[in-house]
Structure formats: C-alpha cells, structure tokens
Amino acid sequence: MSDKIKRLVRRPARALASCLAGVFVAVSAWGAEPAVTIPPPTLDETVAPNAALEVTVLAGGCFWGVQGVFQHVKGVASAISGYTGGAPDTAHYEIVSEGESGHAESVKITFDPREITFGQILRVFFSVAHDPTELNRQGPDTGTQYRSAIFPTSDAQRRIASAYIAQLDAAHVFHSKIVTTIEPDRIFYPAEDYHQDFLTRHPTYPYIVINDLPKIENLKAKFAAIYRAKPVLVSEARASE
C-alpha cells in the first residue's frame, strides 16, 4: 500500500479522520486486481496420511490483502504478515517502505497439506490474491517491496511453483507473462503488530474496502469449497498460547 496510506494507521483518530477523504480519492482510482479463472497445477505434492503442517511464504503487493485472503482459506492454520528477502536489521516498515531493503511485504502461511496442498495454495495466490503479471507493483502500490514473489521452504515447493508458472504462461490464462519470482533460502521476519489482522480489524478502512474486500468476495465465489467465513487470526492464536 502507499506509504501515505499505511502511515495513517498510526495517527490519532482525529488526524486519521481528517485525511480519509483524500485517501479515498487516491485509492479509488485503482481498486482490487481482477480475479482470473485458472486451471489447477498439473504438478503438485504427494501428501501422506500422516503429513505434518507445511510452511510457505508468498508476496503479492500489500500484505494486508494477501494475509486476509489466506486467513479465509480452509486448511490454513495461520497467516502472518511480514518481510522477506532482506537483512534482519532492515525488516521494519519504515525501512522496507523506502524500497531499497530487498524485502518484500510477504505472508508466512502455515497449512495442513492433507486439507489443502501447496499447489492449491498457489492457485488461490495467482487467481484472487494478486495479479502476478504486474512488475514491482500491485494496484496503487509501487516498488520492489510490492513485488510478486514465492519464497519456497523446500525444493519440492520450488519445483511445483516453477512448473505452475510455466503451465499458466503456456496456457496464456493471463493477459501477459507472469513476473513472479521464485526466491529460495530467504528468511521471513514478522511485521509490526499493527499490521496483523488488519483487514479484519479495519473492514471500513478505505484502502481495505476498495482494494482488499473484493478479493475476499472473489475467493468465496471462485473457491467456495475451500472458503471459510471465519478467518484464522494472529491475535486469536496468540491469545490461546
């Protein structure tokens, strides 16, 4: 999301209210990326009956929307917003927002492969969570910190992601070539608390209304079998620890 919009989150309520009109005009020129109907991956993981939880990290623009989408996906145990791709001492919003840290706003997704496979996670990612053909941008947000990227946590994930991108490009399901990068061996750093569960906590926030809530509706419409109305939240997980 634009730096101006995100910094408003931490302002006092009165100052925030006075800026919302201008923010609404700024983001309404964009809106959510359109959902695209895509085929399932031809290459996916083989899941054993006793398979353990799996982790992957995805980046697709503002992490508010990506986190919000996957929190509504059945089989996802947690979705945490954060930063991936740069050094630990630069994994802070004020630094990442400058666009030179190497980090991407990302979401760490922990999922049960017996309920949803990695390939199915990618199908949601490419179809409704973001537009994988936009280079270093999503909607109103620009910069390498908003790049489309997959940070696989295993060689199997890397192979599945690479094969799926090739499959979708060959089928020409998007208007242009997919620009999603595959970046293995990167460390994920959780984002500040005020970014976690943002879509759920601020459903009337103009940026969320225009750019992110339509993604939830697209998820519900295109993936009804794996959509869940009650999201799995970071705050609830912490409260139960």
C-alpha atoms as a PDB file:
ATOM      1  CA  MET A   1       0.000   0.000   0.000  1.00  0.00           C
ATOM      2  CA  SER A   2       1.185   3.555  -0.455  1.00  0.00           C
ATOM      3  CA  ASP A   3       3.371   4.891   2.347  1.00  0.00           C
ATOM      4  CA  LYS A   4       0.944   7.751   2.948  1.00  0.00           C
ATOM      5  CA  ILE A   5      -1.974   5.393   3.469  1.00  0.00           C
ATOM      6  CA  LYS A   6      -0.136   2.991   5.745  1.00  0.00           C
ATOM      7  CA  ARG A   7       1.354   5.691   7.932  1.00  0.00           C
ATOM      8  CA  LEU A   8      -2.154   6.955   8.619  1.00  0.00           C
ATOM      9  CA  VAL A   9      -2.775   3.768  10.580  1.00  0.00           C
ATOM     10  CA  ARG A  10      -0.676   5.011  13.473  1.00  0.00           C
ATOM     11  CA  ARG A  11      -2.075   8.548  13.607  1.00  0.00           C
ATOM     12  CA  PRO A  12      -4.551   9.646  16.267  1.00  0.00           C
ATOM     13  CA  ALA A  13      -8.193   9.064  15.323  1.00  0.00           C
ATOM     14  CA  ARG A  14      -8.912  12.784  14.716  1.00  0.00           C
ATOM     15  CA  ALA A  15      -5.973  13.214  12.359  1.00  0.00           C
ATOM     16  CA  LEU A  16      -6.841   9.974  10.599  1.00  0.00           C
ATOM     17  CA  ALA A  17     -10.433  11.054  10.025  1.00  0.00           C
ATOM     18  CA  SER A  18      -9.340  14.357   8.509  1.00  0.00           C
ATOM     19  CA  CYS A  19      -7.234  12.548   5.911  1.00  0.00           C
ATOM     20  CA  LEU A  20      -9.625   9.803   4.849  1.00  0.00           C
ATOM     21  CA  ALA A  21     -11.367  11.793   2.138  1.00  0.00           C
ATOM     22  CA  GLY A  22      -8.101  12.388   0.302  1.00  0.00           C
ATOM     23  CA  VAL A  23      -7.017   8.801   0.754  1.00  0.00           C
ATOM     24  CA  PHE A  24     -10.332   7.534  -0.636  1.00  0.00           C
ATOM     25  CA  VAL A  25      -9.836   9.568  -3.797  1.00  0.00           C
ATOM     26  CA  ALA A  26      -6.252   8.333  -4.150  1.00  0.00           C
ATOM     27  CA  VAL A  27      -7.027   4.613  -3.897  1.00  0.00           C
ATOM     28  CA  SER A  28     -10.388   4.623  -5.692  1.00  0.00           C
ATOM     29  CA  ALA A  29      -8.585   5.239  -8.964  1.00  0.00           C
ATOM     30  CA  TRP A  30      -7.287   1.659  -8.704  1.00  0.00           C
ATOM     31  CA  GLY A  31      -9.367  -0.984  -6.949  1.00  0.00           C
ATOM     32  CA  ALA A  32      -8.735  -4.684  -6.481  1.00  0.00           C
ATOM     33  CA  GLU A  33      -6.916  -6.679  -9.130  1.00  0.00           C
ATOM     34  CA  PRO A  34      -9.460  -8.700 -11.136  1.00  0.00           C
ATOM     35  CA  ALA A  35      -9.767 -12.381 -10.284  1.00  0.00           C
ATOM     36  CA  VAL A  36      -8.801 -14.795 -13.055  1.00  0.00           C
ATOM     37  CA  THR A  37     -10.090 -18.324 -13.517  1.00  0.00           C
ATOM     38  CA  ILE A  38      -7.077 -20.598 -13.814  1.00  0.00           C
ATOM     39  CA  PRO A  39      -6.608 -24.377 -14.037  1.00  0.00           C
ATOM     40  CA  PRO A  40      -5.194 -26.389 -11.129  1.00  0.00           C
ATOM     41  CA  PRO A  41      -1.487 -27.237 -11.268  1.00  0.00           C
ATOM     42  CA  THR A  42      -0.573 -30.368 -13.174  1.00  0.00           C
ATOM     43  CA  LEU A  43       2.341 -30.901 -10.769  1.00  0.00           C
ATOM     44  CA  ASP A  44       1.543 -30.926  -7.054  1.00  0.00           C
ATOM     45  CA  GLU A  45       2.839 -32.513  -3.898  1.00  0.00           C
ATOM     46  CA  THR A  46       2.024 -36.067  -2.872  1.00  0.00           C
ATOM     47  CA  VAL A  47       0.557 -35.963   0.607  1.00  0.00           C
ATOM     48  CA  ALA A  48       0.951 -38.802   3.108  1.00  0.00           C
ATOM     49  CA  PRO A  49      -1.871 -39.561   5.572  1.00  0.00           C
ATOM     50  CA  ASN A  50       0.389 -38.527   8.458  1.00  0.00           C
ATOM     51  CA  ALA A  51       1.767 -35.401   6.780  1.00  0.00           C
ATOM     52  CA  ALA A  52       2.794 -32.578   9.112  1.00  0.00           C
ATOM     53  CA  LEU A  53       1.926 -28.904   8.786  1.00  0.00           C
ATOM     54  CA  GLU A  54       3.789 -27.137   5.996  1.00  0.00           C
ATOM     55  CA  VAL A  55       5.015 -23.548   5.642  1.00  0.00           C
ATOM     56  CA  THR A  56       5.458 -21.315   2.644  1.00  0.00           C
ATOM     57  CA  VAL A  57       5.925 -17.569   2.179  1.00  0.00           C
ATOM     58  CA  LEU A  58       4.205 -15.546  -0.543  1.00  0.00           C
ATOM     59  CA  ALA A  59       4.443 -11.900  -1.587  1.00  0.00           C
ATOM     60  CA  GLY A  60       1.844 -10.189  -3.740  1.00  0.00           C
ATOM     61  CA  GLY A  61       1.709  -6.484  -3.002  1.00  0.00           C
ATOM     62  CA  CYS A  62       0.275  -5.144   0.227  1.00  0.00           C
ATOM     63  CA  PHE A  63       0.333  -7.861   2.869  1.00  0.00           C
ATOM     64  CA  TRP A  64      -2.994  -6.691   4.316  1.00  0.00           C
ATOM     65  CA  GLY A  65      -4.904  -8.227   1.407  1.00  0.00           C
ATOM     66  CA  VAL A  66      -2.768 -11.336   0.933  1.00  0.00           C
ATOM     67  CA  GLN A  67      -2.998 -12.149   4.635  1.00  0.00           C
ATOM     68  CA  GLY A  68      -6.741 -11.505   4.601  1.00  0.00           C
ATOM     69  CA  VAL A  69      -7.320 -13.876   1.692  1.00  0.00           C
ATOM     70  CA  PHE A  70      -5.409 -16.802   3.171  1.00  0.00           C
ATOM     71  CA  GLN A  71      -6.947 -16.334   6.600  1.00  0.00           C
ATOM     72  CA  HIS A  72     -10.219 -17.300   4.910  1.00  0.00           C
ATOM     73  CA  VAL A  73      -8.845 -20.480   3.274  1.00  0.00           C
ATOM     74  CA  LYS A  74      -9.676 -23.862   4.801  1.00  0.00           C
ATOM     75  CA  GLY A  75      -6.594 -25.816   5.809  1.00  0.00           C
ATOM     76  CA  VAL A  76      -4.571 -22.694   6.593  1.00  0.00           C
ATOM     77  CA  ALA A  77      -3.513 -22.806  10.246  1.00  0.00           C
ATOM     78  CA  SER A  78      -2.024 -19.307  10.309  1.00  0.00           C
ATOM     79  CA  ALA A  79      -1.150 -16.403   8.010  1.00  0.00           C
ATOM     80  CA  ILE A  80       1.285 -13.819   9.353  1.00  0.00           C
ATOM     81  CA  SER A  81       2.270 -10.571   7.643  1.00  0.00           C
ATOM     82  CA  GLY A  82       5.966  -9.765   7.453  1.00  0.00           C
ATOM     83  CA  TYR A  83       9.034  -9.022   5.376  1.00  0.00           C
ATOM     84  CA  THR A  84      11.187 -11.409   3.324  1.00  0.00           C
ATOM     85  CA  GLY A  85      14.211 -11.031   1.102  1.00  0.00           C
ATOM     86  CA  GLY A  86      16.460  -8.638   3.009  1.00  0.00           C
ATOM     87  CA  ALA A  87      18.582  -8.420   6.141  1.00  0.00           C
ATOM     88  CA  PRO A  88      17.158  -8.712   9.673  1.00  0.00           C
ATOM     89  CA  ASP A  89      18.094  -5.171  10.659  1.00  0.00           C
ATOM     90  CA  THR A  90      16.045  -3.732   7.778  1.00  0.00           C
ATOM     91  CA  ALA A  91      12.896  -5.764   8.465  1.00  0.00           C
ATOM     92  CA  HIS A  92      10.945  -2.743   9.692  1.00  0.00           C
ATOM     93  CA  TYR A  93       8.146  -0.959   7.878  1.00  0.00           C
ATOM     94  CA  GLU A  94       9.822   2.457   7.844  1.00  0.00           C
ATOM     95  CA  ILE A  95      12.873   0.954   6.121  1.00  0.00           C
ATOM     96  CA  VAL A  96      11.087  -1.520   3.849  1.00  0.00           C
ATOM     97  CA  SER A  97       8.775   1.222   2.579  1.00  0.00           C
ATOM     98  CA  GLU A  98      11.770   3.028   1.076  1.00  0.00           C
ATOM     99  CA  GLY A  99      12.031   0.210  -1.463  1.00  0.00           C
ATOM    100  CA  GLU A 100      15.755  -0.479  -1.199  1.00  0.00           C
ATOM    101  CA  SER A 101      15.940  -3.079   1.583  1.00  0.00           C
ATOM    102  CA  GLY A 102      15.483  -6.102  -0.657  1.00  0.00           C
ATOM    103  CA  HIS A 103      12.475  -7.124   1.406  1.00  0.00           C
ATOM    104  CA  ALA A 104       9.024  -7.751   0.004  1.00  0.00           C
ATOM    105  CA  GLU A 105       5.873  -7.376   2.044  1.00  0.00           C
ATOM    106  CA  SER A 106       5.001 -11.034   2.452  1.00  0.00           C
ATOM    107  CA  VAL A 107       2.822 -13.518   4.285  1.00  0.00           C
ATOM    108  CA  LYS A 108       4.009 -16.659   6.050  1.00  0.00           C
ATOM    109  CA  ILE A 109       1.366 -19.320   5.522  1.00  0.00           C
ATOM    110  CA  THR A 110       1.230 -22.441   7.666  1.00  0.00           C
ATOM    111  CA  PHE A 111      -1.138 -25.028   6.209  1.00  0.00           C
ATOM    112  CA  ASP A 112      -2.216 -28.648   6.520  1.00  0.00           C
ATOM    113  CA  PRO A 113      -1.388 -30.343   3.190  1.00  0.00           C
ATOM    114  CA  ARG A 114      -3.983 -33.012   3.963  1.00  0.00           C
ATOM    115  CA  GLU A 115      -6.639 -30.299   3.621  1.00  0.00           C
ATOM    116  CA  ILE A 116      -5.038 -28.003   1.046  1.00  0.00           C
ATOM    117  CA  THR A 117      -1.931 -28.733  -0.983  1.00  0.00           C
ATOM    118  CA  PHE A 118       0.832 -26.322  -1.866  1.00  0.00           C
ATOM    119  CA  GLY A 119      -0.396 -26.329  -5.453  1.00  0.00           C
ATOM    120  CA  GLN A 120      -3.863 -25.301  -4.295  1.00  0.00           C
ATOM    121  CA  ILE A 121      -2.320 -22.521  -2.203  1.00  0.00           C
ATOM    122  CA  LEU A 122      -0.611 -21.248  -5.351  1.00  0.00           C
ATOM    123  CA  ARG A 123      -3.837 -21.451  -7.326  1.00  0.00           C
ATOM    124  CA  VAL A 124      -5.510 -19.072  -4.845  1.00  0.00           C
ATOM    125  CA  PHE A 125      -2.410 -16.868  -4.856  1.00  0.00           C
ATOM    126  CA  PHE A 126      -2.365 -16.455  -8.636  1.00  0.00           C
ATOM    127  CA  SER A 127      -6.129 -16.301  -9.105  1.00  0.00           C
ATOM    128  CA  VAL A 128      -7.532 -13.987  -6.424  1.00  0.00           C
ATOM    129  CA  ALA A 129      -4.813 -12.788  -4.026  1.00  0.00           C
ATOM    130  CA  HIS A 130      -2.963 -10.585  -6.542  1.00  0.00           C
ATOM    131  CA  ASP A 131      -2.075 -10.007 -10.189  1.00  0.00           C
ATOM    132  CA  PRO A 132       1.113 -11.982 -10.972  1.00  0.00           C
ATOM    133  CA  THR A 133       1.719 -10.060 -14.196  1.00  0.00           C
ATOM    134  CA  GLU A 134       2.388  -6.705 -12.505  1.00  0.00           C
ATOM    135  CA  LEU A 135       6.090  -5.999 -12.086  1.00  0.00           C
ATOM    136  CA  ASN A 136       7.059  -4.417  -8.759  1.00  0.00           C
ATOM    137  CA  ARG A 137       3.584  -3.089  -8.102  1.00  0.00           C
ATOM    138  CA  GLN A 138       0.026  -4.009  -7.131  1.00  0.00           C
ATOM    139  CA  GLY A 139      -2.800  -1.521  -7.568  1.00  0.00           C
ATOM    140  CA  PRO A 140      -1.759   1.864  -6.114  1.00  0.00           C
ATOM    141  CA  ASP A 141       1.432   0.480  -4.557  1.00  0.00           C
ATOM    142  CA  THR A 142       4.760   0.597  -6.391  1.00  0.00           C
ATOM    143  CA  GLY A 143       8.288  -0.560  -5.616  1.00  0.00           C
ATOM    144  CA  THR A 144      10.208  -3.798  -5.246  1.00  0.00           C
ATOM    145  CA  GLN A 145       8.730  -4.210  -1.765  1.00  0.00           C
ATOM    146  CA  TYR A 146       5.429  -4.917  -3.534  1.00  0.00           C
ATOM    147  CA  ARG A 147       6.820  -7.467  -5.983  1.00  0.00           C
ATOM    148  CA  SER A 148       5.159 -10.782  -6.729  1.00  0.00           C
ATOM    149  CA  ALA A 149       7.342 -13.500  -5.241  1.00  0.00           C
ATOM    150  CA  ILE A 150       7.310 -17.018  -3.904  1.00  0.00           C
ATOM    151  CA  PHE A 151       9.739 -17.901  -1.131  1.00  0.00           C
ATOM    152  CA  PRO A 152       9.684 -21.716  -1.116  1.00  0.00           C
ATOM    153  CA  THR A 153      10.712 -23.564   2.023  1.00  0.00           C
ATOM    154  CA  SER A 154      11.625 -26.788   0.236  1.00  0.00           C
ATOM    155  CA  ASP A 155      12.912 -27.976  -3.105  1.00  0.00           C
ATOM    156  CA  ALA A 156       9.545 -29.587  -3.774  1.00  0.00           C
ATOM    157  CA  GLN A 157       7.815 -26.212  -3.362  1.00  0.00           C
ATOM    158  CA  ARG A 158      10.337 -24.606  -5.691  1.00  0.00           C
ATOM    159  CA  ARG A 159       9.726 -27.228  -8.396  1.00  0.00           C
ATOM    160  CA  ILE A 160       5.933 -27.044  -8.078  1.00  0.00           C
ATOM    161  CA  ALA A 161       5.956 -23.238  -8.252  1.00  0.00           C
ATOM    162  CA  SER A 162       8.263 -23.171 -11.267  1.00  0.00           C
ATOM    163  CA  ALA A 163       6.198 -25.776 -13.104  1.00  0.00           C
ATOM    164  CA  TYR A 164       2.932 -23.983 -12.361  1.00  0.00           C
ATOM    165  CA  ILE A 165       4.204 -20.650 -13.655  1.00  0.00           C
ATOM    166  CA  ALA A 166       5.361 -22.365 -16.852  1.00  0.00           C
ATOM    167  CA  GLN A 167       1.984 -24.117 -17.154  1.00  0.00           C
ATOM    168  CA  LEU A 168      -0.017 -20.901 -16.759  1.00  0.00           C
ATOM    169  CA  ASP A 169       2.200 -18.975 -19.163  1.00  0.00           C
ATOM    170  CA  ALA A 170       1.900 -21.733 -21.768  1.00  0.00           C
ATOM    171  CA  ALA A 171      -1.906 -21.678 -21.413  1.00  0.00           C
ATOM    172  CA  HIS A 172      -1.997 -17.862 -21.767  1.00  0.00           C
ATOM    173  CA  VAL A 173      -4.534 -17.526 -18.961  1.00  0.00           C
ATOM    174  CA  PHE A 174      -3.288 -14.014 -18.167  1.00  0.00           C
ATOM    175  CA  HIS A 175      -3.083 -11.019 -20.483  1.00  0.00           C
ATOM    176  CA  SER A 176       0.710 -11.021 -20.225  1.00  0.00           C
ATOM    177  CA  LYS A 177       3.587 -13.095 -18.904  1.00  0.00           C
ATOM    178  CA  ILE A 178       3.815 -13.902 -15.198  1.00  0.00           C
ATOM    179  CA  VAL A 179       6.594 -11.923 -13.486  1.00  0.00           C
ATOM    180  CA  THR A 180       6.508 -13.747 -10.140  1.00  0.00           C
ATOM    181  CA  THR A 181       9.999 -14.518  -8.902  1.00  0.00           C
ATOM    182  CA  ILE A 182      10.968 -17.679  -7.024  1.00  0.00           C
ATOM    183  CA  GLU A 183      13.416 -16.815  -4.266  1.00  0.00           C
ATOM    184  CA  PRO A 184      14.539 -19.775  -2.125  1.00  0.00           C
ATOM    185  CA  ASP A 185      16.571 -19.622   1.072  1.00  0.00           C
ATOM    186  CA  ARG A 186      15.152 -16.340   2.348  1.00  0.00           C
ATOM    187  CA  ILE A 187      14.246 -15.625   5.957  1.00  0.00           C
ATOM    188  CA  PHE A 188      10.818 -14.332   6.956  1.00  0.00           C
ATOM    189  CA  TYR A 189      10.531 -11.624   9.625  1.00  0.00           C
ATOM    190  CA  PRO A 190       7.102 -10.876  11.178  1.00  0.00           C
ATOM    191  CA  ALA A 191       5.742  -7.380  10.655  1.00  0.00           C
ATOM    192  CA  GLU A 192       4.751  -4.985  13.407  1.00  0.00           C
ATOM    193  CA  ASP A 193       1.655  -5.860  15.446  1.00  0.00           C
ATOM    194  CA  TYR A 194      -0.413  -3.041  13.948  1.00  0.00           C
ATOM    195  CA  HIS A 195      -0.208  -4.713  10.540  1.00  0.00           C
ATOM    196  CA  GLN A 196      -1.500  -8.099  11.733  1.00  0.00           C
ATOM    197  CA  ASP A 197      -5.168  -8.969  11.035  1.00  0.00           C
ATOM    198  CA  PHE A 198      -5.557  -5.506   9.506  1.00  0.00           C
ATOM    199  CA  LEU A 199      -8.307  -6.443   7.071  1.00  0.00           C
ATOM    200  CA  THR A 200     -10.441  -7.987   9.813  1.00  0.00           C
ATOM    201  CA  ARG A 201      -9.794  -5.214  12.339  1.00  0.00           C
ATOM    202  CA  HIS A 202     -10.408  -2.356   9.884  1.00  0.00           C
ATOM    203  CA  PRO A 203     -13.096  -3.535   7.408  1.00  0.00           C
ATOM    204  CA  THR A 204     -14.306   0.026   6.719  1.00  0.00           C
ATOM    205  CA  TYR A 205     -10.857   1.473   6.053  1.00  0.00           C
ATOM    206  CA  PRO A 206     -10.984   2.947   2.506  1.00  0.00           C
ATOM    207  CA  TYR A 207      -7.941   1.054   1.230  1.00  0.00           C
ATOM    208  CA  ILE A 208      -9.375  -2.223   2.525  1.00  0.00           C
ATOM    209  CA  VAL A 209     -12.858  -1.544   1.117  1.00  0.00           C
ATOM    210  CA  ILE A 210     -11.567  -0.718  -2.354  1.00  0.00           C
ATOM    211  CA  ASN A 211      -8.557  -2.979  -2.766  1.00  0.00           C
ATOM    212  CA  ASP A 212      -8.929  -5.970  -0.456  1.00  0.00           C
ATOM    213  CA  LEU A 213     -12.523  -6.838   0.433  1.00  0.00           C
ATOM    214  CA  PRO A 214     -13.257  -7.625  -3.241  1.00  0.00           C
ATOM    215  CA  LYS A 215     -10.528 -10.281  -3.026  1.00  0.00           C
ATOM    216  CA  ILE A 216     -12.399 -11.998  -0.213  1.00  0.00           C
ATOM    217  CA  GLU A 217     -15.559 -11.982  -2.304  1.00  0.00           C
ATOM    218  CA  ASN A 218     -13.625 -13.393  -5.261  1.00  0.00           C
ATOM    219  CA  LEU A 219     -12.241 -16.149  -3.057  1.00  0.00           C
ATOM    220  CA  LYS A 220     -15.748 -17.011  -1.899  1.00  0.00           C
ATOM    221  CA  ALA A 221     -17.085 -17.042  -5.454  1.00  0.00           C
ATOM    222  CA  LYS A 222     -14.265 -18.911  -7.205  1.00  0.00           C
ATOM    223  CA  PHE A 223     -13.172 -21.252  -4.420  1.00  0.00           C
ATOM    224  CA  ALA A 224     -16.360 -21.922  -2.476  1.00  0.00           C
ATOM    225  CA  ALA A 225     -15.219 -25.404  -1.440  1.00  0.00           C
ATOM    226  CA  ILE A 226     -12.213 -24.074   0.471  1.00  0.00           C
ATOM    227  CA  TYR A 227     -13.615 -20.738   1.625  1.00  0.00           C
ATOM    228  CA  ARG A 228     -14.338 -20.286   5.331  1.00  0.00           C
ATOM    229  CA  ALA A 229     -16.291 -17.350   6.663  1.00  0.00           C
ATOM    230  CA  LYS A 230     -14.458 -17.128   9.997  1.00  0.00           C
ATOM    231  CA  PRO A 231     -10.814 -16.150   9.426  1.00  0.00           C
ATOM    232  CA  VAL A 232      -7.917 -17.646  11.371  1.00  0.00           C
ATOM    233  CA  LEU A 233      -6.404 -14.639  13.135  1.00  0.00           C
ATOM    234  CA  VAL A 234      -2.950 -13.933  14.518  1.00  0.00           C
ATOM    235  CA  SER A 235      -4.461 -12.272  17.577  1.00  0.00           C
ATOM    236  CA  GLU A 236      -6.554 -15.335  18.448  1.00  0.00           C
ATOM    237  CA  ALA A 237      -3.583 -17.658  18.065  1.00  0.00           C
ATOM    238  CA  ARG A 238      -1.533 -15.516  20.422  1.00  0.00           C
ATOM    239  CA  ALA A 239      -4.351 -15.377  22.951  1.00  0.00           C
ATOM    240  CA  SER A 240      -4.504 -19.169  23.086  1.00  0.00           C
ATOM    241  CA  GLU A 241      -0.775 -19.611  23.681  1.00  0.00           C
END
